[in-house]
C-alpha atoms as a PDB file:
ATOM      1  CA  UNK A   1     -69.693   2.239 -26.072  1.00  0.00           C
ATOM      2  CA  UNK A   2     -68.452   4.968 -23.738  1.00  0.00           C
ATOM      3  CA  UNK A   3     -67.784   2.435 -20.960  1.00  0.00           C
ATOM      4  CA  UNK A   4     -65.695   0.312 -23.319  1.00  0.00           C
ATOM      5  CA  UNK A   5     -63.610   3.338 -24.314  1.00  0.00           C
ATOM      6  CA  UNK A   6     -63.024   4.276 -20.647  1.00  0.00           C
ATOM      7  CA  UNK A   7     -61.981   0.703 -19.770  1.00  0.00           C
ATOM      8  CA  UNK A   8     -59.660   0.548 -22.787  1.00  0.00           C
ATOM      9  CA  UNK A   9     -58.093   3.875 -21.767  1.00  0.00           C
ATOM     10  CA  UNK A  10     -57.679   2.658 -18.176  1.00  0.00           C
ATOM     11  CA  UNK A  11     -55.979  -0.552 -19.334  1.00  0.00           C
ATOM     12  CA  UNK A  12     -53.688   1.463 -21.625  1.00  0.00           C
ATOM     13  CA  UNK A  13     -52.653   3.828 -18.817  1.00  0.00           C
ATOM     14  CA  UNK A  14     -51.979   0.921 -16.459  1.00  0.00           C
ATOM     15  CA  UNK A  15     -49.938  -0.903 -19.095  1.00  0.00           C
ATOM     16  CA  UNK A  16     -47.834   2.186 -19.817  1.00  0.00           C
ATOM     17  CA  UNK A  17     -47.228   2.676 -16.075  1.00  0.00           C
ATOM     18  CA  UNK A  18     -46.045  -0.915 -15.696  1.00  0.00           C
ATOM     19  CA  UNK A  19     -43.750  -0.586 -18.719  1.00  0.00           C
ATOM     20  CA  UNK A  20     -42.261   2.643 -17.363  1.00  0.00           C
ATOM     21  CA  UNK A  21     -41.520   1.040 -13.990  1.00  0.00           C
ATOM     22  CA  UNK A  22     -40.003  -1.997 -15.698  1.00  0.00           C
ATOM     23  CA  UNK A  23     -37.676   0.203 -17.739  1.00  0.00           C
ATOM     24  CA  UNK A  24     -36.574   2.067 -14.602  1.00  0.00           C
ATOM     25  CA  UNK A  25     -35.795  -1.229 -12.858  1.00  0.00           C
ATOM     26  CA  UNK A  26     -33.782  -2.451 -15.848  1.00  0.00           C
ATOM     27  CA  UNK A  27     -31.794   0.802 -15.842  1.00  0.00           C
ATOM     28  CA  UNK A  28     -30.938   0.442 -12.137  1.00  0.00           C
ATOM     29  CA  UNK A  29     -29.965  -3.223 -12.465  1.00  0.00           C
ATOM     30  CA  UNK A  30     -27.774  -2.477 -15.482  1.00  0.00           C
ATOM     31  CA  UNK A  31     -25.853   0.274 -13.674  1.00  0.00           C
ATOM     32  CA  UNK A  32     -25.354  -1.913 -10.576  1.00  0.00           C
ATOM     33  CA  UNK A  33     -24.172  -4.832 -12.683  1.00  0.00           C
ATOM     34  CA  UNK A  34     -21.621  -2.671 -14.509  1.00  0.00           C
ATOM     35  CA  UNK A  35     -20.062  -1.437 -11.268  1.00  0.00           C
ATOM     36  CA  UNK A  36     -19.893  -4.986  -9.853  1.00  0.00           C
ATOM     37  CA  UNK A  37     -18.227  -6.301 -13.022  1.00  0.00           C
ATOM     38  CA  UNK A  38     -15.719  -3.444 -12.961  1.00  0.00           C
ATOM     39  CA  UNK A  39     -14.934  -4.058  -9.292  1.00  0.00           C
ATOM     40  CA  UNK A  40     -14.463  -7.783  -9.995  1.00  0.00           C
ATOM     41  CA  UNK A  41     -12.034  -7.074 -12.855  1.00  0.00           C
ATOM     42  CA  UNK A  42      -9.972  -4.661 -10.752  1.00  0.00           C
ATOM     43  CA  UNK A  43      -9.754  -7.184  -7.913  1.00  0.00           C
ATOM     44  CA  UNK A  44      -8.803  -9.943 -10.320  1.00  0.00           C
ATOM     45  CA  UNK A  45      -5.981  -7.842 -11.799  1.00  0.00           C
ATOM     46  CA  UNK A  46      -4.637  -6.950  -8.359  1.00  0.00           C
ATOM     47  CA  UNK A  47      -4.611 -10.590  -7.269  1.00  0.00           C
ATOM     48  CA  UNK A  48      -2.899 -11.708 -10.497  1.00  0.00           C
ATOM     49  CA  UNK A  49      -0.203  -9.043 -10.064  1.00  0.00           C
ATOM     50  CA  UNK A  50       0.272 -10.129  -6.467  1.00  0.00           C
ATOM     51  CA  UNK A  51       0.721 -13.815  -7.324  1.00  0.00           C
ATOM     52  CA  UNK A  52       2.907 -13.183 -10.382  1.00  0.00           C
ATOM     53  CA  UNK A  53       6.206 -13.314  -8.456  1.00  0.00           C
ATOM     54  CA  UNK A  54       5.122 -15.148  -5.319  1.00  0.00           C
ATOM     55  CA  UNK A  55       5.324 -18.666  -3.975  1.00  0.00           C
ATOM     56  CA  UNK A  56       2.243 -20.302  -2.444  1.00  0.00           C
ATOM     57  CA  UNK A  57       3.182 -21.918   0.861  1.00  0.00           C
ATOM     58  CA  UNK A  58      -0.167 -23.234   2.014  1.00  0.00           C
ATOM     59  CA  UNK A  59      -3.743 -23.146   0.782  1.00  0.00           C
ATOM     60  CA  UNK A  60      -7.163 -24.446   1.717  1.00  0.00           C
ATOM     61  CA  UNK A  61     -10.783 -23.514   1.020  1.00  0.00           C
ATOM     62  CA  UNK A  62     -10.699 -20.414   3.224  1.00  0.00           C
ATOM     63  CA  UNK A  63      -7.110 -19.152   3.125  1.00  0.00           C
ATOM     64  CA  UNK A  64      -3.981 -18.886   0.953  1.00  0.00           C
ATOM     65  CA  UNK A  65      -0.589 -18.185   2.536  1.00  0.00           C
ATOM     66  CA  UNK A  66       2.088 -17.024   0.112  1.00  0.00           C
ATOM     67  CA  UNK A  67       5.528 -15.489   0.097  1.00  0.00           C
ATOM     68  CA  UNK A  68       6.744 -12.648  -2.101  1.00  0.00           C
ATOM     69  CA  UNK A  69      10.305 -11.502  -2.732  1.00  0.00           C
ATOM     70  CA  UNK A  70      12.176 -10.468   0.381  1.00  0.00           C
ATOM     71  CA  UNK A  71      10.665 -13.292   2.472  1.00  0.00           C
ATOM     72  CA  UNK A  72       7.499 -11.320   3.179  1.00  0.00           C
ATOM     73  CA  UNK A  73       4.568 -13.602   3.937  1.00  0.00           C
ATOM     74  CA  UNK A  74       0.962 -12.677   3.397  1.00  0.00           C
ATOM     75  CA  UNK A  75      -2.384 -14.361   3.826  1.00  0.00           C
ATOM     76  CA  UNK A  76      -5.506 -13.907   1.715  1.00  0.00           C
ATOM     77  CA  UNK A  77      -8.632 -15.256   3.298  1.00  0.00           C
ATOM     78  CA  UNK A  78     -12.343 -15.264   2.809  1.00  0.00           C
ATOM     79  CA  UNK A  79     -14.191 -12.529   4.675  1.00  0.00           C
ATOM     80  CA  UNK A  80     -17.867 -11.836   5.234  1.00  0.00           C
ATOM     81  CA  UNK A  81     -20.166 -11.290   2.239  1.00  0.00           C
ATOM     82  CA  UNK A  82     -17.813 -12.763  -0.373  1.00  0.00           C
ATOM     83  CA  UNK A  83     -14.977 -10.353   0.324  1.00  0.00           C
ATOM     84  CA  UNK A  84     -11.258 -11.064   0.478  1.00  0.00           C
ATOM     85  CA  UNK A  85      -8.958  -9.881   3.246  1.00  0.00           C
ATOM     86  CA  UNK A  86      -5.184  -9.748   2.912  1.00  0.00           C
ATOM     87  CA  UNK A  87      -2.996  -9.533   5.985  1.00  0.00           C
ATOM     88  CA  UNK A  88       0.743  -9.576   6.497  1.00  0.00           C
ATOM     89  CA  UNK A  89       2.535 -12.086   8.680  1.00  0.00           C
ATOM     90  CA  UNK A  90       4.849  -9.515  10.279  1.00  0.00           C
ATOM     91  CA  UNK A  91       3.773  -7.094  13.002  1.00  0.00           C
ATOM     92  CA  UNK A  92       1.759  -4.225  11.602  1.00  0.00           C
ATOM     93  CA  UNK A  93       0.905  -6.102   8.427  1.00  0.00           C
ATOM     94  CA  UNK A  94      -1.299  -4.634   5.739  1.00  0.00           C
ATOM     95  CA  UNK A  95      -4.992  -5.240   5.483  1.00  0.00           C
ATOM     96  CA  UNK A  96      -6.876  -4.700   2.257  1.00  0.00           C
ATOM     97  CA  UNK A  97     -10.405  -5.466   1.274  1.00  0.00           C
ATOM     98  CA  UNK A  98     -11.595  -6.342  -2.220  1.00  0.00           C
END
């Protein structure tokens, strides 16, 4: 009878430990997901504002070349780890990462 009670207590403690670790993992994943979603929305808004008054000159799977008012040409291209890089066509162009 005593052995059964000790085993039941051991199983209960192990189960509670596993549940606590699972809840901590869920908390971390939730906070990481929120920041990624927020970053995606900000990038999406910036790109939409950029293309609002521009003319796309050339595009392919890796790069989009477009022109904004004032005949300024820019290129947005795929960069490592699913990032975007924007560069200007003129000397000393801008470079931004999203």
